[in-house]
Amino acid sequence: MVNAVRGEVALELGGQSYCLCLTMGALAEIETALGAKNLSDLDTRLKDLRAENLVHILHALLKGGGEKLSLEDCRALPLNIALATEAIGKAFKASGVSTPIEGA
């Protein structure tokens, strides 16, 4: 169950419900995974994502939401790109961070 007050967002993939949350740790992981030098650079890198970037972002947000999935588990999820990018955008917005991710 998600806690909207905490900024948690639900994502359903393959009949399973997951919780996403943008925490400071998740933000730092995303910044590192995308090779961003700072938050302004992160914004630029979010505009031009590869599938591997989405996996890293999703993994960080799932960890932030308390999910115990490895990066390999995330790669194996039955991904619906539209639902995933929408949930990622909602997780960023719930934390007061805007995102240029397409579809978010």
PDB file of N, CA and C in Angstrom:
ATOM      1  N   MET A   1       0.840  -1.174   0.000  1.00  0.00           N
ATOM      2  CA  MET A   1       0.000   0.000   0.000  1.00  0.00           C
ATOM      3  C   MET A   1       0.893   1.248   0.000  1.00  0.00           C
ATOM      4  N   VAL A   2       0.580   2.198  -0.859  1.00  0.00           N
ATOM      5  CA  VAL A   2       1.394   3.408  -0.971  1.00  0.00           C
ATOM      6  C   VAL A   2       0.905   4.492  -0.007  1.00  0.00           C
ATOM      7  N   ASN A   3       1.853   5.324   0.405  1.00  0.00           N
ATOM      8  CA  ASN A   3       1.567   6.443   1.283  1.00  0.00           C
ATOM      9  C   ASN A   3       1.813   7.721   0.485  1.00  0.00           C
ATOM     10  N   ALA A   4       0.747   8.315  -0.033  1.00  0.00           N
ATOM     11  CA  ALA A   4       0.859   9.507  -0.874  1.00  0.00           C
ATOM     12  C   ALA A   4       1.482  10.681  -0.132  1.00  0.00           C
ATOM     13  N   VAL A   5       1.283  10.758   1.169  1.00  0.00           N
ATOM     14  CA  VAL A   5       1.853  11.846   1.957  1.00  0.00           C
ATOM     15  C   VAL A   5       3.387  11.769   1.930  1.00  0.00           C
ATOM     16  N   ARG A   6       3.914  10.572   1.885  1.00  0.00           N
ATOM     17  CA  ARG A   6       5.360  10.365   1.825  1.00  0.00           C
ATOM     18  C   ARG A   6       5.879  10.548   0.397  1.00  0.00           C
ATOM     19  N   GLY A   7       4.992  10.668  -0.579  1.00  0.00           N
ATOM     20  CA  GLY A   7       5.401  10.817  -1.973  1.00  0.00           C
ATOM     21  C   GLY A   7       5.491   9.502  -2.712  1.00  0.00           C
ATOM     22  N   GLU A   8       4.877   8.474  -2.153  1.00  0.00           N
ATOM     23  CA  GLU A   8       4.921   7.160  -2.787  1.00  0.00           C
ATOM     24  C   GLU A   8       3.883   7.078  -3.910  1.00  0.00           C
ATOM     25  N   VAL A   9       4.231   6.313  -4.931  1.00  0.00           N
ATOM     26  CA  VAL A   9       3.391   6.148  -6.112  1.00  0.00           C
ATOM     27  C   VAL A   9       3.299   4.657  -6.427  1.00  0.00           C
ATOM     28  N   ALA A  10       2.122   4.212  -6.823  1.00  0.00           N
ATOM     29  CA  ALA A  10       1.930   2.800  -7.180  1.00  0.00           C
ATOM     30  C   ALA A  10       2.226   2.573  -8.661  1.00  0.00           C
ATOM     31  N   LEU A  11       2.772   1.413  -8.941  1.00  0.00           N
ATOM     32  CA  LEU A  11       3.006   0.976 -10.321  1.00  0.00           C
ATOM     33  C   LEU A  11       2.651  -0.491 -10.398  1.00  0.00           C
ATOM     34  N   GLU A  12       1.778  -0.834 -11.319  1.00  0.00           N
ATOM     35  CA  GLU A  12       1.398  -2.237 -11.497  1.00  0.00           C
ATOM     36  C   GLU A  12       2.018  -2.757 -12.786  1.00  0.00           C
ATOM     37  N   LEU A  13       2.785  -3.833 -12.638  1.00  0.00           N
ATOM     38  CA  LEU A  13       3.417  -4.489 -13.772  1.00  0.00           C
ATOM     39  C   LEU A  13       3.224  -5.992 -13.634  1.00  0.00           C
ATOM     40  N   GLY A  14       2.723  -6.612 -14.662  1.00  0.00           N
ATOM     41  CA  GLY A  14       2.556  -8.063 -14.642  1.00  0.00           C
ATOM     42  C   GLY A  14       1.679  -8.560 -13.529  1.00  0.00           C
ATOM     43  N   GLY A  15       0.648  -7.787 -13.158  1.00  0.00           N
ATOM     44  CA  GLY A  15      -0.271  -8.202 -12.109  1.00  0.00           C
ATOM     45  C   GLY A  15       0.263  -7.993 -10.696  1.00  0.00           C
ATOM     46  N   GLN A  16       1.428  -7.424 -10.570  1.00  0.00           N
ATOM     47  CA  GLN A  16       2.051  -7.161  -9.266  1.00  0.00           C
ATOM     48  C   GLN A  16       2.085  -5.661  -9.033  1.00  0.00           C
ATOM     49  N   SER A  17       1.747  -5.236  -7.821  1.00  0.00           N
ATOM     50  CA  SER A  17       1.781  -3.825  -7.479  1.00  0.00           C
ATOM     51  C   SER A  17       3.087  -3.497  -6.768  1.00  0.00           C
ATOM     52  N   TYR A  18       3.711  -2.410  -7.188  1.00  0.00           N
ATOM     53  CA  TYR A  18       4.979  -1.958  -6.622  1.00  0.00           C
ATOM     54  C   TYR A  18       4.835  -0.531  -6.125  1.00  0.00           C
ATOM     55  N   CYS A  19       5.705  -0.162  -5.192  1.00  0.00           N
ATOM     56  CA  CYS A  19       5.720   1.182  -4.625  1.00  0.00           C
ATOM     57  C   CYS A  19       6.994   1.895  -5.058  1.00  0.00           C
ATOM     58  N   LEU A  20       6.848   3.096  -5.623  1.00  0.00           N
ATOM     59  CA  LEU A  20       7.973   3.929  -6.029  1.00  0.00           C
ATOM     60  C   LEU A  20       8.010   5.157  -5.139  1.00  0.00           C
ATOM     61  N   CYS A  21       9.220   5.609  -4.806  1.00  0.00           N
ATOM     62  CA  CYS A  21       9.361   6.829  -4.020  1.00  0.00           C
ATOM     63  C   CYS A  21      10.716   7.464  -4.326  1.00  0.00           C
ATOM     64  N   LEU A  22      10.696   8.758  -4.606  1.00  0.00           N
ATOM     65  CA  LEU A  22      11.937   9.487  -4.840  1.00  0.00           C
ATOM     66  C   LEU A  22      12.481   9.962  -3.498  1.00  0.00           C
ATOM     67  N   THR A  23      13.484   9.259  -3.016  1.00  0.00           N
ATOM     68  CA  THR A  23      14.173   9.626  -1.786  1.00  0.00           C
ATOM     69  C   THR A  23      15.492  10.300  -2.162  1.00  0.00           C
ATOM     70  N   MET A  24      16.180  10.852  -1.177  1.00  0.00           N
ATOM     71  CA  MET A  24      17.501  11.438  -1.452  1.00  0.00           C
ATOM     72  C   MET A  24      18.451  10.370  -1.989  1.00  0.00           C
ATOM     73  N   GLY A  25      18.368   9.179  -1.409  1.00  0.00           N
ATOM     74  CA  GLY A  25      19.210   8.077  -1.875  1.00  0.00           C
ATOM     75  C   GLY A  25      18.894   7.698  -3.308  1.00  0.00           C
ATOM     76  N   ALA A  26      17.604   7.648  -3.632  1.00  0.00           N
ATOM     77  CA  ALA A  26      17.192   7.315  -4.999  1.00  0.00           C
ATOM     78  C   ALA A  26      17.672   8.384  -5.968  1.00  0.00           C
ATOM     79  N   LEU A  27      17.546   9.646  -5.576  1.00  0.00           N
ATOM     80  CA  LEU A  27      17.995  10.735  -6.429  1.00  0.00           C
ATOM     81  C   LEU A  27      19.499  10.642  -6.674  1.00  0.00           C
ATOM     82  N   ALA A  28      20.260  10.345  -5.633  1.00  0.00           N
ATOM     83  CA  ALA A  28      21.712  10.192  -5.776  1.00  0.00           C
ATOM     84  C   ALA A  28      22.056   9.022  -6.685  1.00  0.00           C
ATOM     85  N   GLU A  29      21.339   7.912  -6.544  1.00  0.00           N
ATOM     86  CA  GLU A  29      21.575   6.745  -7.410  1.00  0.00           C
ATOM     87  C   GLU A  29      21.269   7.066  -8.865  1.00  0.00           C
ATOM     88  N   ILE A  30      20.188   7.783  -9.091  1.00  0.00           N
ATOM     89  CA  ILE A  30      19.807   8.157 -10.459  1.00  0.00           C
ATOM     90  C   ILE A  30      20.872   9.085 -11.057  1.00  0.00           C
ATOM     91  N   GLU A  31      21.304  10.045 -10.277  1.00  0.00           N
ATOM     92  CA  GLU A  31      22.332  10.986 -10.724  1.00  0.00           C
ATOM     93  C   GLU A  31      23.604  10.223 -11.120  1.00  0.00           C
ATOM     94  N   THR A  32      24.014   9.269 -10.293  1.00  0.00           N
ATOM     95  CA  THR A  32      25.209   8.473 -10.568  1.00  0.00           C
ATOM     96  C   THR A  32      25.010   7.579 -11.785  1.00  0.00           C
ATOM     97  N   ALA A  33      23.875   6.891 -11.861  1.00  0.00           N
ATOM     98  CA  ALA A  33      23.608   5.978 -12.969  1.00  0.00           C
ATOM     99  C   ALA A  33      23.596   6.696 -14.322  1.00  0.00           C
ATOM    100  N   LEU A  34      23.127   7.933 -14.325  1.00  0.00           N
ATOM    101  CA  LEU A  34      23.062   8.694 -15.568  1.00  0.00           C
ATOM    102  C   LEU A  34      24.336   9.498 -15.819  1.00  0.00           C
ATOM    103  N   GLY A  35      25.282   9.432 -14.887  1.00  0.00           N
ATOM    104  CA  GLY A  35      26.545  10.137 -15.053  1.00  0.00           C
ATOM    105  C   GLY A  35      26.399  11.645 -14.972  1.00  0.00           C
ATOM    106  N   ALA A  36      25.404  12.110 -14.219  1.00  0.00           N
ATOM    107  CA  ALA A  36      25.163  13.544 -14.098  1.00  0.00           C
ATOM    108  C   ALA A  36      26.168  14.169 -13.132  1.00  0.00           C
ATOM    109  N   LYS A  37      26.657  15.358 -13.490  1.00  0.00           N
ATOM    110  CA  LYS A  37      27.615  16.075 -12.655  1.00  0.00           C
ATOM    111  C   LYS A  37      26.930  16.803 -11.510  1.00  0.00           C
ATOM    112  N   ASN A  38      25.666  17.213 -11.737  1.00  0.00           N
ATOM    113  CA  ASN A  38      24.900  17.947 -10.736  1.00  0.00           C
ATOM    114  C   ASN A  38      23.421  17.852 -11.110  1.00  0.00           C
ATOM    115  N   LEU A  39      22.561  18.492 -10.330  1.00  0.00           N
ATOM    116  CA  LEU A  39      21.124  18.384 -10.585  1.00  0.00           C
ATOM    117  C   LEU A  39      20.712  19.023 -11.904  1.00  0.00           C
ATOM    118  N   SER A  40      21.364  20.093 -12.309  1.00  0.00           N
ATOM    119  CA  SER A  40      21.050  20.712 -13.599  1.00  0.00           C
ATOM    120  C   SER A  40      21.409  19.771 -14.741  1.00  0.00           C
ATOM    121  N   ASP A  41      22.536  19.093 -14.594  1.00  0.00           N
ATOM    122  CA  ASP A  41      22.964  18.128 -15.607  1.00  0.00           C
ATOM    123  C   ASP A  41      22.009  16.930 -15.633  1.00  0.00           C
ATOM    124  N   LEU A  42      21.498  16.556 -14.467  1.00  0.00           N
ATOM    125  CA  LEU A  42      20.539  15.451 -14.397  1.00  0.00           C
ATOM    126  C   LEU A  42      19.304  15.777 -15.224  1.00  0.00           C
ATOM    127  N   ASP A  43      18.824  16.998 -15.114  1.00  0.00           N
ATOM    128  CA  ASP A  43      17.660  17.430 -15.889  1.00  0.00           C
ATOM    129  C   ASP A  43      17.919  17.255 -17.389  1.00  0.00           C
ATOM    130  N   THR A  44      19.103  17.635 -17.830  1.00  0.00           N
ATOM    131  CA  THR A  44      19.479  17.485 -19.239  1.00  0.00           C
ATOM    132  C   THR A  44      19.512  16.019 -19.644  1.00  0.00           C
ATOM    133  N   ARG A  45      20.080  15.185 -18.806  1.00  0.00           N
ATOM    134  CA  ARG A  45      20.204  13.757 -19.127  1.00  0.00           C
ATOM    135  C   ARG A  45      18.847  13.040 -19.118  1.00  0.00           C
ATOM    136  N   LEU A  46      17.905  13.528 -18.323  1.00  0.00           N
ATOM    137  CA  LEU A  46      16.576  12.925 -18.292  1.00  0.00           C
ATOM    138  C   LEU A  46      15.808  13.182 -19.586  1.00  0.00           C
ATOM    139  N   LYS A  47      16.226  14.151 -20.365  1.00  0.00           N
ATOM    140  CA  LYS A  47      15.550  14.475 -21.627  1.00  0.00           C
ATOM    141  C   LYS A  47      15.871  13.487 -22.739  1.00  0.00           C
ATOM    142  N   ASP A  48      16.951  12.741 -22.591  1.00  0.00           N
ATOM    143  CA  ASP A  48      17.399  11.842 -23.654  1.00  0.00           C
ATOM    144  C   ASP A  48      17.759  10.484 -23.058  1.00  0.00           C
ATOM    145  N   LEU A  49      16.742   9.730 -22.665  1.00  0.00           N
ATOM    146  CA  LEU A  49      16.961   8.459 -21.965  1.00  0.00           C
ATOM    147  C   LEU A  49      17.072   7.273 -22.908  1.00  0.00           C
ATOM    148  N   ARG A  50      17.870   6.325 -22.470  1.00  0.00           N
ATOM    149  CA  ARG A  50      17.934   5.005 -23.106  1.00  0.00           C
ATOM    150  C   ARG A  50      17.153   4.043 -22.207  1.00  0.00           C
ATOM    151  N   ALA A  51      16.851   2.876 -22.731  1.00  0.00           N
ATOM    152  CA  ALA A  51      16.124   1.875 -21.940  1.00  0.00           C
ATOM    153  C   ALA A  51      16.887   1.524 -20.665  1.00  0.00           C
ATOM    154  N   GLU A  52      18.208   1.415 -20.754  1.00  0.00           N
ATOM    155  CA  GLU A  52      19.018   1.083 -19.581  1.00  0.00           C
ATOM    156  C   GLU A  52      18.892   2.162 -18.508  1.00  0.00           C
ATOM    157  N   ASN A  53      18.781   3.422 -18.929  1.00  0.00           N
ATOM    158  CA  ASN A  53      18.582   4.511 -17.965  1.00  0.00           C
ATOM    159  C   ASN A  53      17.270   4.330 -17.226  1.00  0.00           C
ATOM    160  N   LEU A  54      16.218   3.966 -17.956  1.00  0.00           N
ATOM    161  CA  LEU A  54      14.913   3.752 -17.316  1.00  0.00           C
ATOM    162  C   LEU A  54      14.978   2.634 -16.286  1.00  0.00           C
ATOM    163  N   VAL A  55      15.728   1.580 -16.594  1.00  0.00           N
ATOM    164  CA  VAL A  55      15.884   0.479 -15.643  1.00  0.00           C
ATOM    165  C   VAL A  55      16.526   0.992 -14.356  1.00  0.00           C
ATOM    166  N   HIS A  56      17.568   1.795 -14.484  1.00  0.00           N
ATOM    167  CA  HIS A  56      18.256   2.328 -13.299  1.00  0.00           C
ATOM    168  C   HIS A  56      17.360   3.277 -12.510  1.00  0.00           C
ATOM    169  N   ILE A  57      16.614   4.118 -13.210  1.00  0.00           N
ATOM    170  CA  ILE A  57      15.701   5.046 -12.535  1.00  0.00           C
ATOM    171  C   ILE A  57      14.616   4.270 -11.803  1.00  0.00           C
ATOM    172  N   LEU A  58      14.017   3.313 -12.498  1.00  0.00           N
ATOM    173  CA  LEU A  58      12.966   2.494 -11.893  1.00  0.00           C
ATOM    174  C   LEU A  58      13.503   1.737 -10.676  1.00  0.00           C
ATOM    175  N   HIS A  59      14.693   1.174 -10.797  1.00  0.00           N
ATOM    176  CA  HIS A  59      15.297   0.435  -9.687  1.00  0.00           C
ATOM    177  C   HIS A  59      15.499   1.336  -8.471  1.00  0.00           C
ATOM    178  N   ALA A  60      16.035   2.539  -8.692  1.00  0.00           N
ATOM    179  CA  ALA A  60      16.264   3.472  -7.586  1.00  0.00           C
ATOM    180  C   ALA A  60      14.952   3.871  -6.919  1.00  0.00           C
ATOM    181  N   LEU A  61      13.919   4.139  -7.724  1.00  0.00           N
ATOM    182  CA  LEU A  61      12.621   4.533  -7.159  1.00  0.00           C
ATOM    183  C   LEU A  61      11.943   3.378  -6.433  1.00  0.00           C
ATOM    184  N   LEU A  62      12.105   2.167  -6.937  1.00  0.00           N
ATOM    185  CA  LEU A  62      11.559   0.991  -6.251  1.00  0.00           C
ATOM    186  C   LEU A  62      12.248   0.798  -4.902  1.00  0.00           C
ATOM    187  N   LYS A  63      13.563   0.935  -4.880  1.00  0.00           N
ATOM    188  CA  LYS A  63      14.297   0.843  -3.608  1.00  0.00           C
ATOM    189  C   LYS A  63      13.833   1.938  -2.656  1.00  0.00           C
ATOM    190  N   GLY A  64      13.644   3.143  -3.176  1.00  0.00           N
ATOM    191  CA  GLY A  64      13.150   4.243  -2.355  1.00  0.00           C
ATOM    192  C   GLY A  64      11.778   3.951  -1.779  1.00  0.00           C
ATOM    193  N   GLY A  65      10.993   3.171  -2.502  1.00  0.00           N
ATOM    194  CA  GLY A  65       9.660   2.788  -2.048  1.00  0.00           C
ATOM    195  C   GLY A  65       9.651   1.561  -1.153  1.00  0.00           C
ATOM    196  N   GLY A  66      10.840   1.031  -0.860  1.00  0.00           N
ATOM    197  CA  GLY A  66      10.934  -0.114   0.047  1.00  0.00           C
ATOM    198  C   GLY A  66      10.897  -1.469  -0.624  1.00  0.00           C
ATOM    199  N   GLU A  67      10.879  -1.489  -1.945  1.00  0.00           N
ATOM    200  CA  GLU A  67      10.855  -2.766  -2.659  1.00  0.00           C
ATOM    201  C   GLU A  67      12.241  -3.407  -2.617  1.00  0.00           C
ATOM    202  N   LYS A  68      12.277  -4.714  -2.542  1.00  0.00           N
ATOM    203  CA  LYS A  68      13.538  -5.461  -2.425  1.00  0.00           C
ATOM    204  C   LYS A  68      13.870  -6.159  -3.737  1.00  0.00           C
ATOM    205  N   LEU A  69      13.952  -5.395  -4.809  1.00  0.00           N
ATOM    206  CA  LEU A  69      14.272  -5.954  -6.119  1.00  0.00           C
ATOM    207  C   LEU A  69      15.698  -5.582  -6.503  1.00  0.00           C
ATOM    208  N   SER A  70      16.399  -6.537  -7.084  1.00  0.00           N
ATOM    209  CA  SER A  70      17.740  -6.237  -7.580  1.00  0.00           C
ATOM    210  C   SER A  70      17.617  -5.549  -8.939  1.00  0.00           C
ATOM    211  N   LEU A  71      18.722  -5.040  -9.419  1.00  0.00           N
ATOM    212  CA  LEU A  71      18.742  -4.429 -10.744  1.00  0.00           C
ATOM    213  C   LEU A  71      18.354  -5.463 -11.800  1.00  0.00           C
ATOM    214  N   GLU A  72      18.820  -6.691 -11.624  1.00  0.00           N
ATOM    215  CA  GLU A  72      18.468  -7.771 -12.561  1.00  0.00           C
ATOM    216  C   GLU A  72      16.972  -8.080 -12.495  1.00  0.00           C
ATOM    217  N   ASP A  73      16.385  -8.034 -11.295  1.00  0.00           N
ATOM    218  CA  ASP A  73      14.936  -8.232 -11.157  1.00  0.00           C
ATOM    219  C   ASP A  73      14.193  -7.155 -11.948  1.00  0.00           C
ATOM    220  N   CYS A  74      14.675  -5.921 -11.876  1.00  0.00           N
ATOM    221  CA  CYS A  74      14.035  -4.818 -12.607  1.00  0.00           C
ATOM    222  C   CYS A  74      14.114  -5.031 -14.107  1.00  0.00           C
ATOM    223  N   ARG A  75      15.250  -5.527 -14.561  1.00  0.00           N
ATOM    224  CA  ARG A  75      15.398  -5.804 -16.001  1.00  0.00           C
ATOM    225  C   ARG A  75      14.413  -6.872 -16.475  1.00  0.00           C
ATOM    226  N   ALA A  76      14.025  -7.773 -15.576  1.00  0.00           N
ATOM    227  CA  ALA A  76      13.137  -8.881 -15.935  1.00  0.00           C
ATOM    228  C   ALA A  76      11.657  -8.540 -15.790  1.00  0.00           C
ATOM    229  N   LEU A  77      11.338  -7.361 -15.238  1.00  0.00           N
ATOM    230  CA  LEU A  77       9.929  -6.981 -15.070  1.00  0.00           C
ATOM    231  C   LEU A  77       9.245  -6.867 -16.428  1.00  0.00           C
ATOM    232  N   PRO A  78       7.973  -7.296 -16.499  1.00  0.00           N
ATOM    233  CA  PRO A  78       7.218  -7.141 -17.749  1.00  0.00           C
ATOM    234  C   PRO A  78       6.841  -5.666 -17.927  1.00  0.00           C
ATOM    235  N   LEU A  79       7.699  -4.930 -18.561  1.00  0.00           N
ATOM    236  CA  LEU A  79       7.587  -3.479 -18.606  1.00  0.00           C
ATOM    237  C   LEU A  79       6.558  -2.974 -19.599  1.00  0.00           C
ATOM    238  N   ASN A  80       5.722  -2.090 -19.115  1.00  0.00           N
ATOM    239  CA  ASN A  80       4.830  -1.295 -19.955  1.00  0.00           C
ATOM    240  C   ASN A  80       5.428   0.108 -19.905  1.00  0.00           C
ATOM    241  N   ILE A  81       6.090   0.512 -20.981  1.00  0.00           N
ATOM    242  CA  ILE A  81       6.855   1.761 -20.980  1.00  0.00           C
ATOM    243  C   ILE A  81       5.987   2.971 -20.633  1.00  0.00           C
ATOM    244  N   ALA A  82       4.752   2.996 -21.107  1.00  0.00           N
ATOM    245  CA  ALA A  82       3.864   4.129 -20.820  1.00  0.00           C
ATOM    246  C   ALA A  82       3.537   4.194 -19.329  1.00  0.00           C
ATOM    247  N   LEU A  83       3.196   3.065 -18.726  1.00  0.00           N
ATOM    248  CA  LEU A  83       2.883   3.038 -17.295  1.00  0.00           C
ATOM    249  C   LEU A  83       4.111   3.359 -16.455  1.00  0.00           C
ATOM    250  N   ALA A  84       5.256   2.829 -16.848  1.00  0.00           N
ATOM    251  CA  ALA A  84       6.482   3.057 -16.088  1.00  0.00           C
ATOM    252  C   ALA A  84       6.886   4.527 -16.118  1.00  0.00           C
ATOM    253  N   THR A  85       6.879   5.141 -17.298  1.00  0.00           N
ATOM    254  CA  THR A  85       7.286   6.550 -17.374  1.00  0.00           C
ATOM    255  C   THR A  85       6.282   7.449 -16.667  1.00  0.00           C
ATOM    256  N   GLU A  86       5.008   7.094 -16.724  1.00  0.00           N
ATOM    257  CA  GLU A  86       3.998   7.871 -16.007  1.00  0.00           C
ATOM    258  C   GLU A  86       4.236   7.790 -14.497  1.00  0.00           C
ATOM    259  N   ALA A  87       4.492   6.581 -13.989  1.00  0.00           N
ATOM    260  CA  ALA A  87       4.728   6.400 -12.549  1.00  0.00           C
ATOM    261  C   ALA A  87       6.020   7.099 -12.120  1.00  0.00           C
ATOM    262  N   ILE A  88       7.056   7.037 -12.950  1.00  0.00           N
ATOM    263  CA  ILE A  88       8.315   7.724 -12.649  1.00  0.00           C
ATOM    264  C   ILE A  88       8.059   9.227 -12.543  1.00  0.00           C
ATOM    265  N   GLY A  89       7.335   9.777 -13.504  1.00  0.00           N
ATOM    266  CA  GLY A  89       7.012  11.205 -13.469  1.00  0.00           C
ATOM    267  C   GLY A  89       6.217  11.583 -12.238  1.00  0.00           C
ATOM    268  N   LYS A  90       5.256  10.740 -11.861  1.00  0.00           N
ATOM    269  CA  LYS A  90       4.456  11.004 -10.662  1.00  0.00           C
ATOM    270  C   LYS A  90       5.321  10.967  -9.398  1.00  0.00           C
ATOM    271  N   ALA A  91       6.279  10.044  -9.358  1.00  0.00           N
ATOM    272  CA  ALA A  91       7.161   9.949  -8.189  1.00  0.00           C
ATOM    273  C   ALA A  91       8.018  11.206  -8.065  1.00  0.00           C
ATOM    274  N   PHE A  92       8.512  11.698  -9.189  1.00  0.00           N
ATOM    275  CA  PHE A  92       9.295  12.940  -9.157  1.00  0.00           C
ATOM    276  C   PHE A  92       8.409  14.102  -8.718  1.00  0.00           C
ATOM    277  N   LYS A  93       7.226  14.215  -9.315  1.00  0.00           N
ATOM    278  CA  LYS A  93       6.317  15.321  -8.993  1.00  0.00           C
ATOM    279  C   LYS A  93       5.848  15.267  -7.549  1.00  0.00           C
ATOM    280  N   ALA A  94       5.610  14.065  -7.019  1.00  0.00           N
ATOM    281  CA  ALA A  94       5.173  13.926  -5.626  1.00  0.00           C
ATOM    282  C   ALA A  94       6.225  14.445  -4.660  1.00  0.00           C
ATOM    283  N   SER A  95       7.468  14.455  -5.102  1.00  0.00           N
ATOM    284  CA  SER A  95       8.557  14.968  -4.271  1.00  0.00           C
ATOM    285  C   SER A  95       8.887  16.417  -4.581  1.00  0.00           C
ATOM    286  N   GLY A  96       8.116  17.022  -5.471  1.00  0.00           N
ATOM    287  CA  GLY A  96       8.327  18.420  -5.810  1.00  0.00           C
ATOM    288  C   GLY A  96       9.418  18.648  -6.835  1.00  0.00           C
ATOM    289  N   VAL A  97       9.831  17.580  -7.524  1.00  0.00           N
ATOM    290  CA  VAL A  97      10.881  17.676  -8.536  1.00  0.00           C
ATOM    291  C   VAL A  97      10.239  17.468  -9.900  1.00  0.00           C
ATOM    292  N   SER A  98      10.402  18.443 -10.786  1.00  0.00           N
ATOM    293  CA  SER A  98       9.855  18.272 -12.132  1.00  0.00           C
ATOM    294  C   SER A  98      10.796  17.390 -12.943  1.00  0.00           C
ATOM    295  N   THR A  99      10.257  16.719 -13.936  1.00  0.00           N
ATOM    296  CA  THR A  99      11.053  15.843 -14.781  1.00  0.00           C
ATOM    297  C   THR A  99      10.694  16.033 -16.242  1.00  0.00           C
ATOM    298  N   PRO A 100      11.691  16.039 -17.101  1.00  0.00           N
ATOM    299  CA  PRO A 100      11.414  16.145 -18.526  1.00  0.00           C
ATOM    300  C   PRO A 100      11.180  14.799 -19.192  1.00  0.00           C
ATOM    301  N   ILE A 101      11.003  13.727 -18.408  1.00  0.00           N
ATOM    302  CA  ILE A 101      10.818  12.404 -18.993  1.00  0.00           C
ATOM    303  C   ILE A 101       9.564  12.416 -19.855  1.00  0.00           C
ATOM    304  N   GLU A 102       9.715  11.987 -21.079  1.00  0.00           N
ATOM    305  CA  GLU A 102       8.623  11.947 -22.046  1.00  0.00           C
ATOM    306  C   GLU A 102       7.514  11.041 -21.515  1.00  0.00           C
ATOM    307  N   GLY A 103       6.279  11.510 -21.554  1.00  0.00           N
ATOM    308  CA  GLY A 103       5.138  10.725 -21.106  1.00  0.00           C
ATOM    309  C   GLY A 103       4.855  10.846 -19.619  1.00  0.00           C
ATOM    310  N   ALA A 104       5.713  11.537 -18.904  1.00  0.00           N
ATOM    311  CA  ALA A 104       5.545  11.650 -17.463  1.00  0.00           C
ATOM    312  C   ALA A 104       4.670  12.838 -17.101  1.00  0.00           C
TER     313      ALA A 104
END
